[in-house]
């Protein structure tokens, strides 16, 4: 062994030891990865719909800052819905809305009855079929350059209505049309006030309703008068003809001096 080999021997021994250490570490990592992979297969951690992943997602959805979490909080929307005397309680109570809907002869039964509204809507050549028919109402509404397209087109009616400072904006603005109509002492309040225009219209309609029988009686009287005039006209015609047939001397006799009648009393 020469001097150089002797001097580099510790370095070579150190490198060999490091190489062996790295080999052992690599073998350990391979073993750990294999073990973890096996555990993942057993527990389903690698699958997208694994139970633990579903639980994690549910936990995230039910967090206090998420809509579902807020709905599930004490005193939240779900609590209020299910509270005694709440909407669900009233809906399912005895004699409640649901019971009235499902009772024999109730709305649901009438809607689903044979030849009922649903039958007529779904019948052959019924409302739904006509609505969905080729060139039917739906086709015409959604046709190119049809009403719906014109309404929703750029610079169309809907856009003009909802545009900034458009009709809806102006109507809802402070001191706008809606404010003016609904304000205290505004047009709407004056319209429905006691003794206001609406009351007067109702009173007028009642008066007109009361006049109807009188108008009917007047109509009957007018018919009777017309009939009487007709009878008189029919009677005057023959009299005129009769007067025309009388001799002229009879007619002229009344025009001369008539002998006077002496109404002077004799001597008492």
C-alpha atoms as a PDB file:
ATOM      1  CA  UNK A   1       0.000   0.000   0.000  1.00  0.00           C
ATOM      2  CA  UNK A   2       1.521   3.299  -1.074  1.00  0.00           C
ATOM      3  CA  UNK A   3       1.394   6.541   0.843  1.00  0.00           C
ATOM      4  CA  UNK A   4      -1.494   8.005  -1.205  1.00  0.00           C
ATOM      5  CA  UNK A   5      -3.682   4.970  -0.603  1.00  0.00           C
ATOM      6  CA  UNK A   6      -2.912   5.124   3.073  1.00  0.00           C
ATOM      7  CA  UNK A   7      -3.855   8.787   3.225  1.00  0.00           C
ATOM      8  CA  UNK A   8      -7.173   8.339   1.322  1.00  0.00           C
ATOM      9  CA  UNK A   9      -8.217   5.209   3.249  1.00  0.00           C
ATOM     10  CA  UNK A  10     -10.273   7.082   5.908  1.00  0.00           C
ATOM     11  CA  UNK A  11     -12.093   9.021   3.191  1.00  0.00           C
ATOM     12  CA  UNK A  12     -12.953   5.855   1.283  1.00  0.00           C
ATOM     13  CA  UNK A  13     -14.137   4.163   4.467  1.00  0.00           C
ATOM     14  CA  UNK A  14     -16.355   7.188   5.264  1.00  0.00           C
ATOM     15  CA  UNK A  15     -17.863   7.224   1.777  1.00  0.00           C
ATOM     16  CA  UNK A  16     -18.552   3.492   1.937  1.00  0.00           C
ATOM     17  CA  UNK A  17     -20.278   3.935   5.309  1.00  0.00           C
ATOM     18  CA  UNK A  18     -22.363   6.805   3.925  1.00  0.00           C
ATOM     19  CA  UNK A  19     -23.333   4.683   0.927  1.00  0.00           C
ATOM     20  CA  UNK A  20     -24.436   1.852   3.196  1.00  0.00           C
ATOM     21  CA  UNK A  21     -26.431   4.334   5.333  1.00  0.00           C
ATOM     22  CA  UNK A  22     -28.180   5.750   2.264  1.00  0.00           C
ATOM     23  CA  UNK A  23     -29.032   2.239   1.098  1.00  0.00           C
ATOM     24  CA  UNK A  24     -30.554   1.421   4.488  1.00  0.00           C
ATOM     25  CA  UNK A  25     -32.585   4.701   4.459  1.00  0.00           C
ATOM     26  CA  UNK A  26     -33.863   4.011   0.949  1.00  0.00           C
ATOM     27  CA  UNK A  27     -34.917   0.500   1.932  1.00  0.00           C
ATOM     28  CA  UNK A  28     -36.744   1.924   4.966  1.00  0.00           C
ATOM     29  CA  UNK A  29     -38.603   4.481   2.808  1.00  0.00           C
ATOM     30  CA  UNK A  30     -39.672   1.774   0.355  1.00  0.00           C
ATOM     31  CA  UNK A  31     -40.971  -0.320   3.255  1.00  0.00           C
ATOM     32  CA  UNK A  32     -42.918   2.642   4.710  1.00  0.00           C
ATOM     33  CA  UNK A  33     -44.426   3.563   1.312  1.00  0.00           C
ATOM     34  CA  UNK A  34     -45.530  -0.035   0.787  1.00  0.00           C
ATOM     35  CA  UNK A  35     -47.121  -0.144   4.237  1.00  0.00           C
ATOM     36  CA  UNK A  36     -48.951   3.174   3.712  1.00  0.00           C
ATOM     37  CA  UNK A  37     -50.194   2.077   0.293  1.00  0.00           C
ATOM     38  CA  UNK A  38     -51.558  -1.129   1.812  1.00  0.00           C
ATOM     39  CA  UNK A  39     -53.340   0.830   4.547  1.00  0.00           C
ATOM     40  CA  UNK A  40     -54.867   3.163   1.934  1.00  0.00           C
ATOM     41  CA  UNK A  41     -56.273   0.192   0.009  1.00  0.00           C
ATOM     42  CA  UNK A  42     -57.806  -1.240   3.166  1.00  0.00           C
ATOM     43  CA  UNK A  43     -59.327   2.036   4.435  1.00  0.00           C
ATOM     44  CA  UNK A  44     -60.223   3.489   1.042  1.00  0.00           C
ATOM     45  CA  UNK A  45     -58.272   6.695   1.646  1.00  0.00           C
ATOM     46  CA  UNK A  46     -57.125   6.875  -1.977  1.00  0.00           C
ATOM     47  CA  UNK A  47     -60.628   6.505  -3.424  1.00  0.00           C
ATOM     48  CA  UNK A  48     -62.490   9.722  -4.168  1.00  0.00           C
ATOM     49  CA  UNK A  49     -65.660   8.719  -2.314  1.00  0.00           C
ATOM     50  CA  UNK A  50     -64.071   7.089   0.724  1.00  0.00           C
ATOM     51  CA  UNK A  51     -66.010   7.304   4.016  1.00  0.00           C
ATOM     52  CA  UNK A  52     -63.359   9.471   5.676  1.00  0.00           C
ATOM     53  CA  UNK A  53     -63.317  11.839   2.714  1.00  0.00           C
ATOM     54  CA  UNK A  54     -67.137  12.077   2.748  1.00  0.00           C
ATOM     55  CA  UNK A  55     -67.055  12.823   6.492  1.00  0.00           C
ATOM     56  CA  UNK A  56     -64.429  15.498   5.888  1.00  0.00           C
ATOM     57  CA  UNK A  57     -66.533  17.095   3.150  1.00  0.00           C
ATOM     58  CA  UNK A  58     -69.665  17.017   5.349  1.00  0.00           C
ATOM     59  CA  UNK A  59     -67.716  18.616   8.180  1.00  0.00           C
ATOM     60  CA  UNK A  60     -66.571  21.350   5.800  1.00  0.00           C
ATOM     61  CA  UNK A  61     -70.127  21.933   4.518  1.00  0.00           C
ATOM     62  CA  UNK A  62     -71.524  22.106   8.062  1.00  0.00           C
ATOM     63  CA  UNK A  63     -68.982  24.699   9.210  1.00  0.00           C
ATOM     64  CA  UNK A  64     -70.476  27.750  10.948  1.00  0.00           C
ATOM     65  CA  UNK A  65     -69.567  30.074   8.087  1.00  0.00           C
ATOM     66  CA  UNK A  66     -71.254  27.895   5.434  1.00  0.00           C
ATOM     67  CA  UNK A  67     -74.987  28.079   4.521  1.00  0.00           C
ATOM     68  CA  UNK A  68     -75.682  24.506   5.704  1.00  0.00           C
ATOM     69  CA  UNK A  69     -73.931  25.170   9.012  1.00  0.00           C
ATOM     70  CA  UNK A  70     -75.921  28.376   9.524  1.00  0.00           C
ATOM     71  CA  UNK A  71     -79.166  26.523   8.724  1.00  0.00           C
ATOM     72  CA  UNK A  72     -78.339  23.833  11.313  1.00  0.00           C
ATOM     73  CA  UNK A  73     -77.417  26.265  14.095  1.00  0.00           C
ATOM     74  CA  UNK A  74     -79.697  26.461  17.186  1.00  0.00           C
ATOM     75  CA  UNK A  75     -82.443  28.975  16.434  1.00  0.00           C
ATOM     76  CA  UNK A  76     -81.545  28.862  12.743  1.00  0.00           C
ATOM     77  CA  UNK A  77     -83.898  28.372   9.777  1.00  0.00           C
ATOM     78  CA  UNK A  78     -84.162  24.584  10.267  1.00  0.00           C
ATOM     79  CA  UNK A  79     -84.954  25.008  13.964  1.00  0.00           C
ATOM     80  CA  UNK A  80     -87.657  27.552  13.165  1.00  0.00           C
ATOM     81  CA  UNK A  81     -89.134  25.297  10.463  1.00  0.00           C
ATOM     82  CA  UNK A  82     -89.352  22.287  12.798  1.00  0.00           C
ATOM     83  CA  UNK A  83     -90.306  24.192  15.973  1.00  0.00           C
ATOM     84  CA  UNK A  84     -93.679  23.404  17.646  1.00  0.00           C
ATOM     85  CA  UNK A  85     -96.281  25.584  15.946  1.00  0.00           C
ATOM     86  CA  UNK A  86     -93.846  26.277  13.114  1.00  0.00           C
ATOM     87  CA  UNK A  87     -94.499  25.898   9.382  1.00  0.00           C
ATOM     88  CA  UNK A  88     -93.879  22.120   9.265  1.00  0.00           C
ATOM     89  CA  UNK A  89     -96.006  21.583  12.385  1.00  0.00           C
ATOM     90  CA  UNK A  90     -98.886  23.603  10.932  1.00  0.00           C
ATOM     91  CA  UNK A  91     -98.497  21.877   7.572  1.00  0.00           C
ATOM     92  CA  UNK A  92     -98.715  18.360   9.019  1.00  0.00           C
ATOM     93  CA  UNK A  93    -101.141  19.055  11.903  1.00  0.00           C
ATOM     94  CA  UNK A  94    -104.632  17.575  12.038  1.00  0.00           C
ATOM     95  CA  UNK A  95    -106.842  19.588   9.704  1.00  0.00           C
ATOM     96  CA  UNK A  96    -103.754  21.351   8.372  1.00  0.00           C
ATOM     97  CA  UNK A  97    -102.828  22.243   4.821  1.00  0.00           C
ATOM     98  CA  UNK A  98    -101.400  18.819   3.941  1.00  0.00           C
ATOM     99  CA  UNK A  99    -104.446  16.991   5.277  1.00  0.00           C
ATOM    100  CA  UNK A 100    -106.818  19.286   3.390  1.00  0.00           C
ATOM    101  CA  UNK A 101    -104.820  18.760   0.195  1.00  0.00           C
ATOM    102  CA  UNK A 102    -104.900  14.955   0.519  1.00  0.00           C
ATOM    103  CA  UNK A 103    -108.442  14.486   1.854  1.00  0.00           C
ATOM    104  CA  UNK A 104    -111.004  12.626  -0.313  1.00  0.00           C
ATOM    105  CA  UNK A 105    -112.452  15.079  -2.809  1.00  0.00           C
ATOM    106  CA  UNK A 106    -109.700  17.543  -1.942  1.00  0.00           C
ATOM    107  CA  UNK A 107    -107.678  19.686  -4.359  1.00  0.00           C
ATOM    108  CA  UNK A 108    -105.088  16.994  -5.145  1.00  0.00           C
ATOM    109  CA  UNK A 109    -107.734  14.373  -5.871  1.00  0.00           C
ATOM    110  CA  UNK A 110    -109.655  16.788  -8.097  1.00  0.00           C
ATOM    111  CA  UNK A 111    -106.482  17.726  -9.992  1.00  0.00           C
ATOM    112  CA  UNK A 112    -105.563  14.057 -10.551  1.00  0.00           C
ATOM    113  CA  UNK A 113    -109.136  12.879 -11.245  1.00  0.00           C
ATOM    114  CA  UNK A 114    -110.091  11.324 -14.558  1.00  0.00           C
ATOM    115  CA  UNK A 115    -110.898  14.110 -17.048  1.00  0.00           C
ATOM    116  CA  UNK A 116    -109.604  16.555 -14.422  1.00  0.00           C
ATOM    117  CA  UNK A 117    -107.256  19.492 -15.051  1.00  0.00           C
ATOM    118  CA  UNK A 118    -104.113  17.324 -15.281  1.00  0.00           C
ATOM    119  CA  UNK A 119    -105.797  14.914 -17.691  1.00  0.00           C
ATOM    120  CA  UNK A 120    -106.913  17.802 -19.876  1.00  0.00           C
ATOM    121  CA  UNK A 121    -103.461  19.402 -19.837  1.00  0.00           C
ATOM    122  CA  UNK A 122    -101.744  16.116 -20.790  1.00  0.00           C
ATOM    123  CA  UNK A 123    -104.466  14.865 -23.160  1.00  0.00           C
ATOM    124  CA  UNK A 124    -103.837  14.313 -26.841  1.00  0.00           C
ATOM    125  CA  UNK A 125    -104.076  17.726 -28.497  1.00  0.00           C
ATOM    126  CA  UNK A 126    -104.310  19.186 -24.982  1.00  0.00           C
ATOM    127  CA  UNK A 127    -102.753  22.348 -23.621  1.00  0.00           C
ATOM    128  CA  UNK A 128     -99.251  20.916 -23.146  1.00  0.00           C
ATOM    129  CA  UNK A 129     -99.179  19.298 -26.583  1.00  0.00           C
ATOM    130  CA  UNK A 130    -100.328  22.508 -28.260  1.00  0.00           C
ATOM    131  CA  UNK A 131     -97.764  24.463 -26.259  1.00  0.00           C
ATOM    132  CA  UNK A 132     -94.902  22.157 -27.326  1.00  0.00           C
ATOM    133  CA  UNK A 133     -96.136  21.509 -30.883  1.00  0.00           C
ATOM    134  CA  UNK A 134     -94.078  22.553 -33.864  1.00  0.00           C
ATOM    135  CA  UNK A 135     -94.737  26.252 -34.545  1.00  0.00           C
ATOM    136  CA  UNK A 136     -96.760  26.295 -31.312  1.00  0.00           C
ATOM    137  CA  UNK A 137     -96.727  28.945 -28.609  1.00  0.00           C
ATOM    138  CA  UNK A 138     -93.346  27.925 -27.154  1.00  0.00           C
ATOM    139  CA  UNK A 139     -91.768  27.796 -30.613  1.00  0.00           C
ATOM    140  CA  UNK A 140     -93.107  31.250 -31.436  1.00  0.00           C
ATOM    141  CA  UNK A 141     -91.949  32.690 -28.101  1.00  0.00           C
ATOM    142  CA  UNK A 142     -88.413  31.293 -28.424  1.00  0.00           C
ATOM    143  CA  UNK A 143     -88.054  31.699 -32.198  1.00  0.00           C
ATOM    144  CA  UNK A 144     -85.266  33.760 -33.674  1.00  0.00           C
ATOM    145  CA  UNK A 145     -86.321  37.413 -33.439  1.00  0.00           C
ATOM    146  CA  UNK A 146     -89.338  36.203 -31.430  1.00  0.00           C
ATOM    147  CA  UNK A 147     -90.834  37.981 -28.407  1.00  0.00           C
ATOM    148  CA  UNK A 148     -88.425  36.435 -25.873  1.00  0.00           C
ATOM    149  CA  UNK A 149     -85.347  37.253 -27.944  1.00  0.00           C
ATOM    150  CA  UNK A 150     -86.537  40.811 -28.527  1.00  0.00           C
ATOM    151  CA  UNK A 151     -87.254  41.261 -24.816  1.00  0.00           C
ATOM    152  CA  UNK A 152     -83.839  39.985 -23.704  1.00  0.00           C
ATOM    153  CA  UNK A 153     -81.804  41.389 -26.620  1.00  0.00           C
ATOM    154  CA  UNK A 154     -79.091  43.963 -26.114  1.00  0.00           C
ATOM    155  CA  UNK A 155     -80.814  47.344 -25.715  1.00  0.00           C
ATOM    156  CA  UNK A 156     -84.107  45.426 -25.572  1.00  0.00           C
ATOM    157  CA  UNK A 157     -87.069  46.109 -23.307  1.00  0.00           C
ATOM    158  CA  UNK A 158     -85.714  44.243 -20.253  1.00  0.00           C
ATOM    159  CA  UNK A 159     -82.296  45.905 -20.542  1.00  0.00           C
ATOM    160  CA  UNK A 160     -83.880  49.347 -20.883  1.00  0.00           C
ATOM    161  CA  UNK A 161     -86.083  48.684 -17.867  1.00  0.00           C
ATOM    162  CA  UNK A 162     -83.230  47.470 -15.651  1.00  0.00           C
ATOM    163  CA  UNK A 163     -80.479  49.773 -16.957  1.00  0.00           C
ATOM    164  CA  UNK A 164     -78.840  52.218 -14.530  1.00  0.00           C
ATOM    165  CA  UNK A 165     -81.157  55.226 -14.239  1.00  0.00           C
ATOM    166  CA  UNK A 166     -83.734  53.249 -16.223  1.00  0.00           C
ATOM    167  CA  UNK A 167     -87.448  53.013 -15.559  1.00  0.00           C
ATOM    168  CA  UNK A 168     -87.123  50.560 -12.637  1.00  0.00           C
ATOM    169  CA  UNK A 169     -84.315  52.639 -11.085  1.00  0.00           C
ATOM    170  CA  UNK A 170     -86.341  55.832 -11.378  1.00  0.00           C
ATOM    171  CA  UNK A 171     -89.473  54.152 -10.034  1.00  0.00           C
ATOM    172  CA  UNK A 172     -87.630  52.792  -6.973  1.00  0.00           C
ATOM    173  CA  UNK A 173     -85.453  55.873  -6.379  1.00  0.00           C
ATOM    174  CA  UNK A 174     -85.888  58.059  -3.321  1.00  0.00           C
ATOM    175  CA  UNK A 175     -88.782  60.455  -3.966  1.00  0.00           C
ATOM    176  CA  UNK A 176     -89.441  58.516  -7.177  1.00  0.00           C
ATOM    177  CA  UNK A 177     -92.772  57.398  -8.596  1.00  0.00           C
ATOM    178  CA  UNK A 178     -93.215  54.538  -6.107  1.00  0.00           C
ATOM    179  CA  UNK A 179     -92.256  56.739  -3.157  1.00  0.00           C
ATOM    180  CA  UNK A 180     -94.690  59.418  -4.299  1.00  0.00           C
ATOM    181  CA  UNK A 181     -97.489  56.895  -4.752  1.00  0.00           C
ATOM    182  CA  UNK A 182     -96.970  55.126  -1.407  1.00  0.00           C
ATOM    183  CA  UNK A 183     -95.909  58.078   0.767  1.00  0.00           C
ATOM    184  CA  UNK A 184     -98.079  59.330   3.603  1.00  0.00           C
ATOM    185  CA  UNK A 185    -100.854  61.399   2.058  1.00  0.00           C
ATOM    186  CA  UNK A 186     -99.729  60.240  -1.386  1.00  0.00           C
ATOM    187  CA  UNK A 187    -101.810  59.323  -4.389  1.00  0.00           C
ATOM    188  CA  UNK A 188    -102.468  55.724  -3.294  1.00  0.00           C
ATOM    189  CA  UNK A 189    -103.491  56.746   0.217  1.00  0.00           C
ATOM    190  CA  UNK A 190    -105.821  59.433  -1.168  1.00  0.00           C
ATOM    191  CA  UNK A 191    -107.277  56.905  -3.597  1.00  0.00           C
ATOM    192  CA  UNK A 192    -108.220  54.384  -0.896  1.00  0.00           C
ATOM    193  CA  UNK A 193    -109.068  56.949   1.825  1.00  0.00           C
ATOM    194  CA  UNK A 194    -112.551  56.970   3.341  1.00  0.00           C
ATOM    195  CA  UNK A 195    -114.788  59.025   1.072  1.00  0.00           C
ATOM    196  CA  UNK A 196    -112.051  59.104  -1.556  1.00  0.00           C
ATOM    197  CA  UNK A 197    -112.309  58.356  -5.273  1.00  0.00           C
ATOM    198  CA  UNK A 198    -112.461  54.580  -4.757  1.00  0.00           C
ATOM    199  CA  UNK A 199    -115.289  54.928  -2.227  1.00  0.00           C
ATOM    200  CA  UNK A 200    -117.112  57.279  -4.585  1.00  0.00           C
ATOM    201  CA  UNK A 201    -116.751  54.831  -7.478  1.00  0.00           C
ATOM    202  CA  UNK A 202    -118.129  52.028  -5.265  1.00  0.00           C
ATOM    203  CA  UNK A 203    -121.041  54.261  -4.185  1.00  0.00           C
ATOM    204  CA  UNK A 204    -121.678  55.213  -7.817  1.00  0.00           C
ATOM    205  CA  UNK A 205    -121.702  51.563  -8.832  1.00  0.00           C
ATOM    206  CA  UNK A 206    -124.227  50.848  -6.051  1.00  0.00           C
ATOM    207  CA  UNK A 207    -126.381  53.758  -7.300  1.00  0.00           C
ATOM    208  CA  UNK A 208    -126.178  52.464 -10.853  1.00  0.00           C
ATOM    209  CA  UNK A 209    -127.111  48.987  -9.632  1.00  0.00           C
ATOM    210  CA  UNK A 210    -130.154  50.449  -7.835  1.00  0.00           C
ATOM    211  CA  UNK A 211    -131.098  52.376 -11.007  1.00  0.00           C
ATOM    212  CA  UNK A 212    -131.152  49.241 -13.129  1.00  0.00           C
ATOM    213  CA  UNK A 213    -134.668  48.047 -12.030  1.00  0.00           C
ATOM    214  CA  UNK A 214    -136.057  51.593 -12.516  1.00  0.00           C
ATOM    215  CA  UNK A 215    -134.543  51.748 -15.995  1.00  0.00           C
ATOM    216  CA  UNK A 216    -136.131  48.407 -16.800  1.00  0.00           C
ATOM    217  CA  UNK A 217    -139.535  49.699 -15.646  1.00  0.00           C
ATOM    218  CA  UNK A 218    -139.041  52.913 -17.649  1.00  0.00           C
ATOM    219  CA  UNK A 219    -138.172  50.832 -20.671  1.00  0.00           C
ATOM    220  CA  UNK A 220    -141.415  48.881 -20.233  1.00  0.00           C
ATOM    221  CA  UNK A 221    -143.364  52.185 -19.907  1.00  0.00           C
ATOM    222  CA  UNK A 222    -141.720  53.564 -23.060  1.00  0.00           C
ATOM    223  CA  UNK A 223    -142.659  50.399 -24.923  1.00  0.00           C
ATOM    224  CA  UNK A 224    -146.266  50.816 -23.725  1.00  0.00           C
ATOM    225  CA  UNK A 225    -146.300  54.490 -24.788  1.00  0.00           C
ATOM    226  CA  UNK A 226    -144.964  53.580 -28.218  1.00  0.00           C
ATOM    227  CA  UNK A 227    -147.678  50.963 -28.547  1.00  0.00           C
ATOM    228  CA  UNK A 228    -150.343  53.539 -27.503  1.00  0.00           C
ATOM    229  CA  UNK A 229    -148.992  56.083 -30.009  1.00  0.00           C
ATOM    230  CA  UNK A 230    -149.174  53.422 -32.680  1.00  0.00           C
ATOM    231  CA  UNK A 231    -152.805  52.659 -31.825  1.00  0.00           C
ATOM    232  CA  UNK A 232    -153.724  56.386 -31.825  1.00  0.00           C
ATOM    233  CA  UNK A 233    -151.959  56.884 -35.159  1.00  0.00           C
ATOM    234  CA  UNK A 234    -153.881  53.957 -36.556  1.00  0.00           C
ATOM    235  CA  UNK A 235    -157.143  55.511 -35.292  1.00  0.00           C
ATOM    236  CA  UNK A 236    -156.402  59.035 -36.631  1.00  0.00           C
ATOM    237  CA  UNK A 237    -155.745  57.770 -40.148  1.00  0.00           C
ATOM    238  CA  UNK A 238    -159.311  56.459 -40.779  1.00  0.00           C
ATOM    239  CA  UNK A 239    -160.785  59.601 -39.168  1.00  0.00           C
ATOM    240  CA  UNK A 240    -158.858  61.774 -41.625  1.00  0.00           C
ATOM    241  CA  UNK A 241    -160.083  59.645 -44.513  1.00  0.00           C
ATOM    242  CA  UNK A 242    -163.673  59.896 -43.220  1.00  0.00           C
ATOM    243  CA  UNK A 243    -163.416  63.700 -42.976  1.00  0.00           C
ATOM    244  CA  UNK A 244    -162.210  63.801 -46.565  1.00  0.00           C
ATOM    245  CA  UNK A 245    -165.297  61.893 -47.723  1.00  0.00           C
ATOM    246  CA  UNK A 246    -167.830  64.272 -46.070  1.00  0.00           C
ATOM    247  CA  UNK A 247    -169.718  66.682 -48.462  1.00  0.00           C
ATOM    248  CA  UNK A 248    -168.231  70.168 -48.725  1.00  0.00           C
ATOM    249  CA  UNK A 249    -171.403  71.914 -47.582  1.00  0.00           C
ATOM    250  CA  UNK A 250    -171.253  69.984 -44.307  1.00  0.00           C
ATOM    251  CA  UNK A 251    -167.762  71.119 -43.767  1.00  0.00           C
ATOM    252  CA  UNK A 252    -168.519  74.765 -44.745  1.00  0.00           C
ATOM    253  CA  UNK A 253    -171.658  74.959 -42.645  1.00  0.00           C
ATOM    254  CA  UNK A 254    -169.686  75.464 -39.513  1.00  0.00           C
ATOM    255  CA  UNK A 255    -167.896  78.450 -41.089  1.00  0.00           C
ATOM    256  CA  UNK A 256    -171.148  80.616 -41.592  1.00  0.00           C
ATOM    257  CA  UNK A 257    -173.211  82.464 -39.005  1.00  0.00           C
ATOM    258  CA  UNK A 258    -174.943  80.090 -36.767  1.00  0.00           C
ATOM    259  CA  UNK A 259    -178.404  81.036 -35.469  1.00  0.00           C
ATOM    260  CA  UNK A 260    -178.017  82.361 -32.005  1.00  0.00           C
ATOM    261  CA  UNK A 261    -179.856  80.911 -29.111  1.00  0.00           C
ATOM    262  CA  UNK A 262    -181.843  83.429 -27.029  1.00  0.00           C
ATOM    263  CA  UNK A 263    -181.086  82.824 -23.441  1.00  0.00           C
ATOM    264  CA  UNK A 264    -183.099  86.023 -22.282  1.00  0.00           C
ATOM    265  CA  UNK A 265    -185.590  85.292 -19.560  1.00  0.00           C
ATOM    266  CA  UNK A 266    -189.209  86.369 -20.066  1.00  0.00           C
ATOM    267  CA  UNK A 267    -191.035  88.937 -17.919  1.00  0.00           C
ATOM    268  CA  UNK A 268    -191.019  87.986 -14.340  1.00  0.00           C
END
